[in-house]
């Protein structure tokens, strides 16, 4: 293989792996919330996935473990992300068995009202299953908090800080305002 062919192959491999990692947006035009979603691979407990997600951002939006709040949101995630890592999502009933609350993101502490349990779940096997993850078919399972899984669903949303105007733009706006005032004084 020539050096040029090897370089081209490496570039294509890089592009392919980069393309797989691009977040997908559930647009408001498609009935969504405007948030972005992505699978983050690695070796995580749900706690370490929460901590990792909180260090990430996309397009100035904060990352957090996905808070799946509707069947439509779940359908979007299932249709657009590879769930083969059996990823974590936000949810726990650790404080009170059977009362599931979001444990990440802006909804932290909010009681969950939508569920997509796999048949027979949640079963709290061994009395120790208090967190959520998804099976590859998109249904949910309660899981032990200390057991690692190879991924999680990250959701990006939040308020993007306004971009400050450069000083020249602020001066230009002030000048236009001054012209308006001067024009009114001349007419009077």
Foldseek 3Di string as FASTA:
>chain_A
DDPVVVVVVVVVVVVVVVVQFDWDFPDVVVVDDRKTKGKDFDKDQQVVQQVVQQVDADPQFGKGFADDADPVSLVVCLVPYQCQLQAFHFWWCVVPPPFIFGCMDPRHPPTHDDFQADPPPPPCVVVAFTGWTAHRNSHIYGHHRVHITGIGMMMTHDDRPDDDDPPVVVVVVVVVVVVVVVVVVVVD
